[in-house]
Amino acid sequence: MDKFQDMKSILSDVLDNSDLGKKVKRYRVFNHWDEIVGKDIGKKTSPERFIKDCLYINVENPTWSNELSMMSEQLILKINSFLKENIVKEIRFKIKH
């Protein structure tokens, strides 16, 4: 019996060592956005998509886009800290239409 691993640890190993695991971890950002950036920023923004190591974020207006652009390094640190891995290397802001 001790030669067999439980299903959770097997799945965890497979996910940790695959592209699928990285994608799953990456998309946790979408489900926890307000928790990561805080409620104030979360109300004015929403993550849109990932392309490679760049996160695209929808922003309510140009003022917020400018403000958040200046805070992008801090946001990257918060996101990567939440994910416990340096997944996001760049953020781009897009005004919602």
PDB file of N, CA and C in Angstrom:
ATOM      1  N   MET A   1       0.817  -1.194   0.000  1.00  0.00           N
ATOM      2  CA  MET A   1       0.000   0.000   0.000  1.00  0.00           C
ATOM      3  C   MET A   1       0.867   1.267   0.000  1.00  0.00           C
ATOM      4  N   ASP A   2       1.992   1.257   0.738  1.00  0.00           N
ATOM      5  CA  ASP A   2       2.813   2.462   0.815  1.00  0.00           C
ATOM      6  C   ASP A   2       3.573   2.740  -0.483  1.00  0.00           C
ATOM      7  N   LYS A   3       3.542   1.802  -1.440  1.00  0.00           N
ATOM      8  CA  LYS A   3       4.176   2.039  -2.730  1.00  0.00           C
ATOM      9  C   LYS A   3       3.300   2.877  -3.655  1.00  0.00           C
ATOM     10  N   PHE A   4       2.044   3.009  -3.291  1.00  0.00           N
ATOM     11  CA  PHE A   4       1.108   3.771  -4.117  1.00  0.00           C
ATOM     12  C   PHE A   4       0.925   5.168  -3.553  1.00  0.00           C
ATOM     13  N   GLN A   5       0.869   6.133  -4.463  1.00  0.00           N
ATOM     14  CA  GLN A   5       0.614   7.506  -4.047  1.00  0.00           C
ATOM     15  C   GLN A   5      -0.881   7.759  -4.108  1.00  0.00           C
ATOM     16  N   ASP A   6      -1.325   8.672  -3.280  1.00  0.00           N
ATOM     17  CA  ASP A   6      -2.741   9.022  -3.384  1.00  0.00           C
ATOM     18  C   ASP A   6      -2.972   9.862  -4.639  1.00  0.00           C
ATOM     19  N   MET A   7      -4.194   9.872  -5.118  1.00  0.00           N
ATOM     20  CA  MET A   7      -4.551  10.527  -6.373  1.00  0.00           C
ATOM     21  C   MET A   7      -4.213  12.020  -6.363  1.00  0.00           C
ATOM     22  N   LYS A   8      -4.407  12.687  -5.241  1.00  0.00           N
ATOM     23  CA  LYS A   8      -4.123  14.121  -5.152  1.00  0.00           C
ATOM     24  C   LYS A   8      -2.653  14.408  -5.425  1.00  0.00           C
ATOM     25  N   SER A   9      -1.754  13.633  -4.843  1.00  0.00           N
ATOM     26  CA  SER A   9      -0.327  13.899  -5.044  1.00  0.00           C
ATOM     27  C   SER A   9       0.106  13.558  -6.464  1.00  0.00           C
ATOM     28  N   ILE A  10      -0.507  12.550  -7.067  1.00  0.00           N
ATOM     29  CA  ILE A  10      -0.199  12.211  -8.455  1.00  0.00           C
ATOM     30  C   ILE A  10      -0.625  13.346  -9.378  1.00  0.00           C
ATOM     31  N   LEU A  11      -1.869  13.818  -9.215  1.00  0.00           N
ATOM     32  CA  LEU A  11      -2.358  14.930 -10.038  1.00  0.00           C
ATOM     33  C   LEU A  11      -1.528  16.182  -9.822  1.00  0.00           C
ATOM     34  N   SER A  12      -1.171  16.438  -8.591  1.00  0.00           N
ATOM     35  CA  SER A  12      -0.357  17.606  -8.276  1.00  0.00           C
ATOM     36  C   SER A  12       0.991  17.528  -8.997  1.00  0.00           C
ATOM     37  N   ASP A  13       1.625  16.364  -8.975  1.00  0.00           N
ATOM     38  CA  ASP A  13       2.909  16.189  -9.662  1.00  0.00           C
ATOM     39  C   ASP A  13       2.773  16.390 -11.165  1.00  0.00           C
ATOM     40  N   VAL A  14       1.715  15.829 -11.735  1.00  0.00           N
ATOM     41  CA  VAL A  14       1.499  15.967 -13.172  1.00  0.00           C
ATOM     42  C   VAL A  14       1.279  17.434 -13.539  1.00  0.00           C
ATOM     43  N   LEU A  15       0.421  18.129 -12.780  1.00  0.00           N
ATOM     44  CA  LEU A  15       0.137  19.528 -13.067  1.00  0.00           C
ATOM     45  C   LEU A  15       1.356  20.422 -12.871  1.00  0.00           C
ATOM     46  N   ASP A  16       2.104  20.168 -11.808  1.00  0.00           N
ATOM     47  CA  ASP A  16       3.289  20.993 -11.530  1.00  0.00           C
ATOM     48  C   ASP A  16       4.336  20.895 -12.630  1.00  0.00           C
ATOM     49  N   ASN A  17       4.381  19.767 -13.305  1.00  0.00           N
ATOM     50  CA  ASN A  17       5.425  19.536 -14.300  1.00  0.00           C
ATOM     51  C   ASN A  17       4.909  19.578 -15.739  1.00  0.00           C
ATOM     52  N   SER A  18       3.829  20.288 -15.955  1.00  0.00           N
ATOM     53  CA  SER A  18       3.276  20.348 -17.307  1.00  0.00           C
ATOM     54  C   SER A  18       2.847  21.769 -17.656  1.00  0.00           C
ATOM     55  N   ASP A  19       2.638  21.999 -18.944  1.00  0.00           N
ATOM     56  CA  ASP A  19       2.122  23.293 -19.389  1.00  0.00           C
ATOM     57  C   ASP A  19       0.713  23.519 -18.860  1.00  0.00           C
ATOM     58  N   LEU A  20      -0.064  22.457 -18.761  1.00  0.00           N
ATOM     59  CA  LEU A  20      -1.418  22.573 -18.236  1.00  0.00           C
ATOM     60  C   LEU A  20      -1.394  23.113 -16.809  1.00  0.00           C
ATOM     61  N   GLY A  21      -0.470  22.647 -16.011  1.00  0.00           N
ATOM     62  CA  GLY A  21      -0.352  23.129 -14.638  1.00  0.00           C
ATOM     63  C   GLY A  21      -0.038  24.606 -14.572  1.00  0.00           C
ATOM     64  N   LYS A  22       0.829  25.060 -15.453  1.00  0.00           N
ATOM     65  CA  LYS A  22       1.164  26.484 -15.499  1.00  0.00           C
ATOM     66  C   LYS A  22      -0.041  27.308 -15.918  1.00  0.00           C
ATOM     67  N   LYS A  23      -0.822  26.788 -16.868  1.00  0.00           N
ATOM     68  CA  LYS A  23      -2.018  27.509 -17.311  1.00  0.00           C
ATOM     69  C   LYS A  23      -3.052  27.577 -16.196  1.00  0.00           C
ATOM     70  N   VAL A  24      -3.225  26.489 -15.480  1.00  0.00           N
ATOM     71  CA  VAL A  24      -4.177  26.470 -14.367  1.00  0.00           C
ATOM     72  C   VAL A  24      -3.768  27.490 -13.317  1.00  0.00           C
ATOM     73  N   LYS A  25      -2.491  27.509 -12.983  1.00  0.00           N
ATOM     74  CA  LYS A  25      -1.986  28.454 -11.983  1.00  0.00           C
ATOM     75  C   LYS A  25      -2.174  29.888 -12.458  1.00  0.00           C
ATOM     76  N   ARG A  26      -1.874  30.132 -13.717  1.00  0.00           N
ATOM     77  CA  ARG A  26      -1.996  31.459 -14.304  1.00  0.00           C
ATOM     78  C   ARG A  26      -3.426  31.992 -14.219  1.00  0.00           C
ATOM     79  N   TYR A  27      -4.375  31.149 -14.509  1.00  0.00           N
ATOM     80  CA  TYR A  27      -5.759  31.595 -14.573  1.00  0.00           C
ATOM     81  C   TYR A  27      -6.416  31.737 -13.196  1.00  0.00           C
ATOM     82  N   ARG A  28      -5.695  31.417 -12.146  1.00  0.00           N
ATOM     83  CA  ARG A  28      -6.183  31.721 -10.799  1.00  0.00           C
ATOM     84  C   ARG A  28      -6.331  33.226 -10.624  1.00  0.00           C
ATOM     85  N   VAL A  29      -5.572  33.986 -11.398  1.00  0.00           N
ATOM     86  CA  VAL A  29      -5.652  35.454 -11.353  1.00  0.00           C
ATOM     87  C   VAL A  29      -7.081  35.916 -11.621  1.00  0.00           C
ATOM     88  N   PHE A  30      -7.764  35.278 -12.568  1.00  0.00           N
ATOM     89  CA  PHE A  30      -9.113  35.689 -12.946  1.00  0.00           C
ATOM     90  C   PHE A  30     -10.112  35.455 -11.810  1.00  0.00           C
ATOM     91  N   ASN A  31      -9.940  34.385 -11.082  1.00  0.00           N
ATOM     92  CA  ASN A  31     -10.870  34.051  -9.999  1.00  0.00           C
ATOM     93  C   ASN A  31     -10.592  34.798  -8.704  1.00  0.00           C
ATOM     94  N   HIS A  32      -9.412  35.361  -8.576  1.00  0.00           N
ATOM     95  CA  HIS A  32      -9.015  36.003  -7.314  1.00  0.00           C
ATOM     96  C   HIS A  32      -8.564  37.450  -7.526  1.00  0.00           C
ATOM     97  N   TRP A  33      -9.008  38.073  -8.596  1.00  0.00           N
ATOM     98  CA  TRP A  33      -8.529  39.404  -8.961  1.00  0.00           C
ATOM     99  C   TRP A  33      -8.677  40.417  -7.835  1.00  0.00           C
ATOM    100  N   ASP A  34      -9.886  40.549  -7.270  1.00  0.00           N
ATOM    101  CA  ASP A  34     -10.099  41.531  -6.198  1.00  0.00           C
ATOM    102  C   ASP A  34      -9.223  41.247  -4.987  1.00  0.00           C
ATOM    103  N   GLU A  35      -9.044  40.002  -4.689  1.00  0.00           N
ATOM    104  CA  GLU A  35      -8.196  39.607  -3.562  1.00  0.00           C
ATOM    105  C   GLU A  35      -6.734  40.005  -3.807  1.00  0.00           C
ATOM    106  N   ILE A  36      -6.291  39.896  -5.032  1.00  0.00           N
ATOM    107  CA  ILE A  36      -4.898  40.205  -5.378  1.00  0.00           C
ATOM    108  C   ILE A  36      -4.648  41.711  -5.382  1.00  0.00           C
ATOM    109  N   VAL A  37      -5.504  42.471  -6.063  1.00  0.00           N
ATOM    110  CA  VAL A  37      -5.248  43.905  -6.262  1.00  0.00           C
ATOM    111  C   VAL A  37      -5.991  44.801  -5.285  1.00  0.00           C
ATOM    112  N   GLY A  38      -6.932  44.254  -4.560  1.00  0.00           N
ATOM    113  CA  GLY A  38      -7.736  45.052  -3.641  1.00  0.00           C
ATOM    114  C   GLY A  38      -9.048  45.468  -4.293  1.00  0.00           C
ATOM    115  N   LYS A  39     -10.030  45.767  -3.463  1.00  0.00           N
ATOM    116  CA  LYS A  39     -11.380  46.063  -3.956  1.00  0.00           C
ATOM    117  C   LYS A  39     -11.438  47.334  -4.798  1.00  0.00           C
ATOM    118  N   ASP A  40     -10.704  48.379  -4.410  1.00  0.00           N
ATOM    119  CA  ASP A  40     -10.759  49.643  -5.156  1.00  0.00           C
ATOM    120  C   ASP A  40     -10.275  49.465  -6.596  1.00  0.00           C
ATOM    121  N   ILE A  41      -9.126  48.856  -6.757  1.00  0.00           N
ATOM    122  CA  ILE A  41      -8.603  48.619  -8.099  1.00  0.00           C
ATOM    123  C   ILE A  41      -9.458  47.573  -8.812  1.00  0.00           C
ATOM    124  N   GLY A  42      -9.905  46.575  -8.088  1.00  0.00           N
ATOM    125  CA  GLY A  42     -10.737  45.524  -8.665  1.00  0.00           C
ATOM    126  C   GLY A  42     -12.037  46.036  -9.262  1.00  0.00           C
ATOM    127  N   LYS A  43     -12.600  47.101  -8.670  1.00  0.00           N
ATOM    128  CA  LYS A  43     -13.842  47.687  -9.192  1.00  0.00           C
ATOM    129  C   LYS A  43     -13.624  48.373 -10.539  1.00  0.00           C
ATOM    130  N   LYS A  44     -12.434  48.877 -10.780  1.00  0.00           N
ATOM    131  CA  LYS A  44     -12.137  49.664 -11.976  1.00  0.00           C
ATOM    132  C   LYS A  44     -11.429  48.855 -13.067  1.00  0.00           C
ATOM    133  N   THR A  45     -11.061  47.617 -12.773  1.00  0.00           N
ATOM    134  CA  THR A  45     -10.276  46.818 -13.701  1.00  0.00           C
ATOM    135  C   THR A  45     -10.763  45.369 -13.737  1.00  0.00           C
ATOM    136  N   SER A  46     -10.331  44.663 -14.761  1.00  0.00           N
ATOM    137  CA  SER A  46     -10.542  43.211 -14.810  1.00  0.00           C
ATOM    138  C   SER A  46      -9.486  42.596 -15.726  1.00  0.00           C
ATOM    139  N   PRO A  47      -8.934  41.468 -15.314  1.00  0.00           N
ATOM    140  CA  PRO A  47      -7.957  40.820 -16.182  1.00  0.00           C
ATOM    141  C   PRO A  47      -8.676  40.287 -17.418  1.00  0.00           C
ATOM    142  N   GLU A  48      -8.061  40.451 -18.575  1.00  0.00           N
ATOM    143  CA  GLU A  48      -8.694  40.020 -19.823  1.00  0.00           C
ATOM    144  C   GLU A  48      -8.112  38.712 -20.341  1.00  0.00           C
ATOM    145  N   ARG A  49      -6.778  38.676 -20.464  1.00  0.00           N
ATOM    146  CA  ARG A  49      -6.142  37.482 -21.026  1.00  0.00           C
ATOM    147  C   ARG A  49      -4.647  37.512 -20.777  1.00  0.00           C
ATOM    148  N   PHE A  50      -4.052  36.359 -20.958  1.00  0.00           N
ATOM    149  CA  PHE A  50      -2.605  36.216 -20.929  1.00  0.00           C
ATOM    150  C   PHE A  50      -2.125  35.936 -22.345  1.00  0.00           C
ATOM    151  N   ILE A  51      -1.050  36.545 -22.719  1.00  0.00           N
ATOM    152  CA  ILE A  51      -0.314  36.146 -23.909  1.00  0.00           C
ATOM    153  C   ILE A  51       1.127  35.997 -23.460  1.00  0.00           C
ATOM    154  N   LYS A  52       1.579  34.758 -23.457  1.00  0.00           N
ATOM    155  CA  LYS A  52       2.893  34.393 -22.921  1.00  0.00           C
ATOM    156  C   LYS A  52       2.982  34.872 -21.473  1.00  0.00           C
ATOM    157  N   ASP A  53       3.919  35.752 -21.178  1.00  0.00           N
ATOM    158  CA  ASP A  53       4.098  36.212 -19.796  1.00  0.00           C
ATOM    159  C   ASP A  53       3.530  37.612 -19.568  1.00  0.00           C
ATOM    160  N   CYS A  54       2.655  38.050 -20.470  1.00  0.00           N
ATOM    161  CA  CYS A  54       2.042  39.376 -20.373  1.00  0.00           C
ATOM    162  C   CYS A  54       0.562  39.246 -20.016  1.00  0.00           C
ATOM    163  N   LEU A  55       0.146  39.976 -18.997  1.00  0.00           N
ATOM    164  CA  LEU A  55      -1.254  40.009 -18.581  1.00  0.00           C
ATOM    165  C   LEU A  55      -1.894  41.278 -19.113  1.00  0.00           C
ATOM    166  N   TYR A  56      -2.977  41.127 -19.854  1.00  0.00           N
ATOM    167  CA  TYR A  56      -3.743  42.262 -20.370  1.00  0.00           C
ATOM    168  C   TYR A  56      -4.894  42.535 -19.418  1.00  0.00           C
ATOM    169  N   ILE A  57      -5.028  43.799 -19.038  1.00  0.00           N
ATOM    170  CA  ILE A  57      -6.038  44.190 -18.051  1.00  0.00           C
ATOM    171  C   ILE A  57      -6.936  45.260 -18.651  1.00  0.00           C
ATOM    172  N   ASN A  58      -8.246  45.043 -18.563  1.00  0.00           N
ATOM    173  CA  ASN A  58      -9.219  46.060 -18.959  1.00  0.00           C
ATOM    174  C   ASN A  58      -9.308  47.097 -17.855  1.00  0.00           C
ATOM    175  N   VAL A  59      -9.322  48.363 -18.251  1.00  0.00           N
ATOM    176  CA  VAL A  59      -9.369  49.471 -17.301  1.00  0.00           C
ATOM    177  C   VAL A  59     -10.547  50.367 -17.670  1.00  0.00           C
ATOM    178  N   GLU A  60     -11.191  50.916 -16.651  1.00  0.00           N
ATOM    179  CA  GLU A  60     -12.404  51.711 -16.845  1.00  0.00           C
ATOM    180  C   GLU A  60     -12.198  52.978 -17.675  1.00  0.00           C
ATOM    181  N   ASN A  61     -11.077  53.671 -17.474  1.00  0.00           N
ATOM    182  CA  ASN A  61     -10.866  54.934 -18.193  1.00  0.00           C
ATOM    183  C   ASN A  61      -9.363  55.242 -18.295  1.00  0.00           C
ATOM    184  N   PRO A  62      -9.006  56.210 -19.123  1.00  0.00           N
ATOM    185  CA  PRO A  62      -7.591  56.543 -19.316  1.00  0.00           C
ATOM    186  C   PRO A  62      -6.872  56.988 -18.033  1.00  0.00           C
ATOM    187  N   THR A  63      -7.587  57.641 -17.140  1.00  0.00           N
ATOM    188  CA  THR A  63      -6.972  58.082 -15.887  1.00  0.00           C
ATOM    189  C   THR A  63      -6.476  56.877 -15.085  1.00  0.00           C
ATOM    190  N   TRP A  64      -7.337  55.866 -14.963  1.00  0.00           N
ATOM    191  CA  TRP A  64      -6.940  54.650 -14.244  1.00  0.00           C
ATOM    192  C   TRP A  64      -5.816  53.922 -14.979  1.00  0.00           C
ATOM    193  N   SER A  65      -5.880  53.913 -16.291  1.00  0.00           N
ATOM    194  CA  SER A  65      -4.822  53.267 -17.068  1.00  0.00           C
ATOM    195  C   SER A  65      -3.470  53.913 -16.775  1.00  0.00           C
ATOM    196  N   ASN A  66      -3.439  55.226 -16.772  1.00  0.00           N
ATOM    197  CA  ASN A  66      -2.204  55.960 -16.488  1.00  0.00           C
ATOM    198  C   ASN A  66      -1.714  55.677 -15.071  1.00  0.00           C
ATOM    199  N   GLU A  67      -2.618  55.760 -14.119  1.00  0.00           N
ATOM    200  CA  GLU A  67      -2.263  55.522 -12.705  1.00  0.00           C
ATOM    201  C   GLU A  67      -1.700  54.112 -12.509  1.00  0.00           C
ATOM    202  N   LEU A  68      -2.388  53.133 -13.078  1.00  0.00           N
ATOM    203  CA  LEU A  68      -1.959  51.747 -12.909  1.00  0.00           C
ATOM    204  C   LEU A  68      -0.679  51.437 -13.675  1.00  0.00           C
ATOM    205  N   SER A  69      -0.462  52.119 -14.779  1.00  0.00           N
ATOM    206  CA  SER A  69       0.795  51.943 -15.513  1.00  0.00           C
ATOM    207  C   SER A  69       1.983  52.300 -14.632  1.00  0.00           C
ATOM    208  N   MET A  70       1.821  53.345 -13.847  1.00  0.00           N
ATOM    209  CA  MET A  70       2.892  53.747 -12.938  1.00  0.00           C
ATOM    210  C   MET A  70       3.059  52.758 -11.778  1.00  0.00           C
ATOM    211  N   MET A  71       2.014  51.983 -11.517  1.00  0.00           N
ATOM    212  CA  MET A  71       2.053  50.991 -10.433  1.00  0.00           C
ATOM    213  C   MET A  71       2.300  49.575 -10.951  1.00  0.00           C
ATOM    214  N   SER A  72       2.616  49.429 -12.222  1.00  0.00           N
ATOM    215  CA  SER A  72       2.667  48.090 -12.820  1.00  0.00           C
ATOM    216  C   SER A  72       3.675  47.162 -12.137  1.00  0.00           C
ATOM    217  N   GLU A  73       4.811  47.676 -11.731  1.00  0.00           N
ATOM    218  CA  GLU A  73       5.794  46.825 -11.046  1.00  0.00           C
ATOM    219  C   GLU A  73       5.232  46.275  -9.737  1.00  0.00           C
ATOM    220  N   GLN A  74       4.526  47.116  -8.989  1.00  0.00           N
ATOM    221  CA  GLN A  74       3.902  46.680  -7.738  1.00  0.00           C
ATOM    222  C   GLN A  74       2.823  45.627  -8.015  1.00  0.00           C
ATOM    223  N   LEU A  75       2.035  45.854  -9.063  1.00  0.00           N
ATOM    224  CA  LEU A  75       0.994  44.885  -9.415  1.00  0.00           C
ATOM    225  C   LEU A  75       1.588  43.544  -9.821  1.00  0.00           C
ATOM    226  N   ILE A  76       2.648  43.582 -10.588  1.00  0.00           N
ATOM    227  CA  ILE A  76       3.329  42.347 -10.987  1.00  0.00           C
ATOM    228  C   ILE A  76       3.818  41.589  -9.761  1.00  0.00           C
ATOM    229  N   LEU A  77       4.403  42.307  -8.820  1.00  0.00           N
ATOM    230  CA  LEU A  77       4.874  41.673  -7.582  1.00  0.00           C
ATOM    231  C   LEU A  77       3.718  41.043  -6.801  1.00  0.00           C
ATOM    232  N   LYS A  78       2.595  41.758  -6.698  1.00  0.00           N
ATOM    233  CA  LYS A  78       1.427  41.230  -5.991  1.00  0.00           C
ATOM    234  C   LYS A  78       0.892  39.973  -6.656  1.00  0.00           C
ATOM    235  N   ILE A  79       0.785  40.015  -7.965  1.00  0.00           N
ATOM    236  CA  ILE A  79       0.250  38.868  -8.710  1.00  0.00           C
ATOM    237  C   ILE A  79       1.163  37.661  -8.566  1.00  0.00           C
ATOM    238  N   ASN A  80       2.452  37.863  -8.794  1.00  0.00           N
ATOM    239  CA  ASN A  80       3.402  36.755  -8.707  1.00  0.00           C
ATOM    240  C   ASN A  80       3.517  36.218  -7.288  1.00  0.00           C
ATOM    241  N   SER A  81       3.399  37.086  -6.317  1.00  0.00           N
ATOM    242  CA  SER A  81       3.409  36.649  -4.921  1.00  0.00           C
ATOM    243  C   SER A  81       2.197  35.761  -4.638  1.00  0.00           C
ATOM    244  N   PHE A  82       1.043  36.170  -5.135  1.00  0.00           N
ATOM    245  CA  PHE A  82      -0.173  35.372  -4.956  1.00  0.00           C
ATOM    246  C   PHE A  82      -0.026  34.006  -5.626  1.00  0.00           C
ATOM    247  N   LEU A  83       0.557  33.987  -6.824  1.00  0.00           N
ATOM    248  CA  LEU A  83       0.720  32.740  -7.568  1.00  0.00           C
ATOM    249  C   LEU A  83       1.899  31.905  -7.077  1.00  0.00           C
ATOM    250  N   LYS A  84       2.760  32.511  -6.264  1.00  0.00           N
ATOM    251  CA  LYS A  84       3.964  31.864  -5.731  1.00  0.00           C
ATOM    252  C   LYS A  84       4.906  31.408  -6.849  1.00  0.00           C
ATOM    253  N   GLU A  85       4.924  32.225  -7.907  1.00  0.00           N
ATOM    254  CA  GLU A  85       5.795  31.946  -9.040  1.00  0.00           C
ATOM    255  C   GLU A  85       5.864  33.201  -9.916  1.00  0.00           C
ATOM    256  N   ASN A  86       6.989  33.426 -10.555  1.00  0.00           N
ATOM    257  CA  ASN A  86       7.155  34.600 -11.421  1.00  0.00           C
ATOM    258  C   ASN A  86       6.576  34.325 -12.802  1.00  0.00           C
ATOM    259  N   ILE A  87       5.267  34.391 -12.886  1.00  0.00           N
ATOM    260  CA  ILE A  87       4.558  34.088 -14.128  1.00  0.00           C
ATOM    261  C   ILE A  87       4.341  35.352 -14.950  1.00  0.00           C
ATOM    262  N   VAL A  88       3.968  36.440 -14.301  1.00  0.00           N
ATOM    263  CA  VAL A  88       3.687  37.693 -15.001  1.00  0.00           C
ATOM    264  C   VAL A  88       4.957  38.537 -15.034  1.00  0.00           C
ATOM    265  N   LYS A  89       5.374  38.907 -16.241  1.00  0.00           N
ATOM    266  CA  LYS A  89       6.569  39.746 -16.389  1.00  0.00           C
ATOM    267  C   LYS A  89       6.221  41.120 -16.924  1.00  0.00           C
ATOM    268  N   GLU A  90       5.014  41.228 -17.491  1.00  0.00           N
ATOM    269  CA  GLU A  90       4.606  42.494 -18.084  1.00  0.00           C
ATOM    270  C   GLU A  90       3.079  42.626 -17.953  1.00  0.00           C
ATOM    271  N   ILE A  91       2.619  43.860 -17.814  1.00  0.00           N
ATOM    272  CA  ILE A  91       1.183  44.150 -17.786  1.00  0.00           C
ATOM    273  C   ILE A  91       0.905  45.213 -18.837  1.00  0.00           C
ATOM    274  N   ARG A  92      -0.170  45.008 -19.569  1.00  0.00           N
ATOM    275  CA  ARG A  92      -0.631  46.024 -20.524  1.00  0.00           C
ATOM    276  C   ARG A  92      -2.072  46.363 -20.198  1.00  0.00           C
ATOM    277  N   PHE A  93      -2.373  47.638 -20.249  1.00  0.00           N
ATOM    278  CA  PHE A  93      -3.712  48.127 -19.896  1.00  0.00           C
ATOM    279  C   PHE A  93      -4.474  48.498 -21.152  1.00  0.00           C
ATOM    280  N   LYS A  94      -5.758  48.174 -21.147  1.00  0.00           N
ATOM    281  CA  LYS A  94      -6.634  48.424 -22.287  1.00  0.00           C
ATOM    282  C   LYS A  94      -7.906  49.081 -21.768  1.00  0.00           C
ATOM    283  N   ILE A  95      -8.301  50.187 -22.370  1.00  0.00           N
ATOM    284  CA  ILE A  95      -9.508  50.897 -21.943  1.00  0.00           C
ATOM    285  C   ILE A  95     -10.729  50.091 -22.393  1.00  0.00           C
ATOM    286  N   LYS A  96     -11.660  49.847 -21.448  1.00  0.00           N
ATOM    287  CA  LYS A  96     -12.911  49.147 -21.779  1.00  0.00           C
ATOM    288  C   LYS A  96     -13.764  50.023 -22.670  1.00  0.00           C
ATOM    289  N   HIS A  97     -14.426  49.404 -23.615  1.00  0.00           N
ATOM    290  CA  HIS A  97     -15.343  50.166 -24.497  1.00  0.00           C
ATOM    291  C   HIS A  97     -16.759  49.741 -24.256  1.00  0.00           C
TER     292      HIS A  97
END
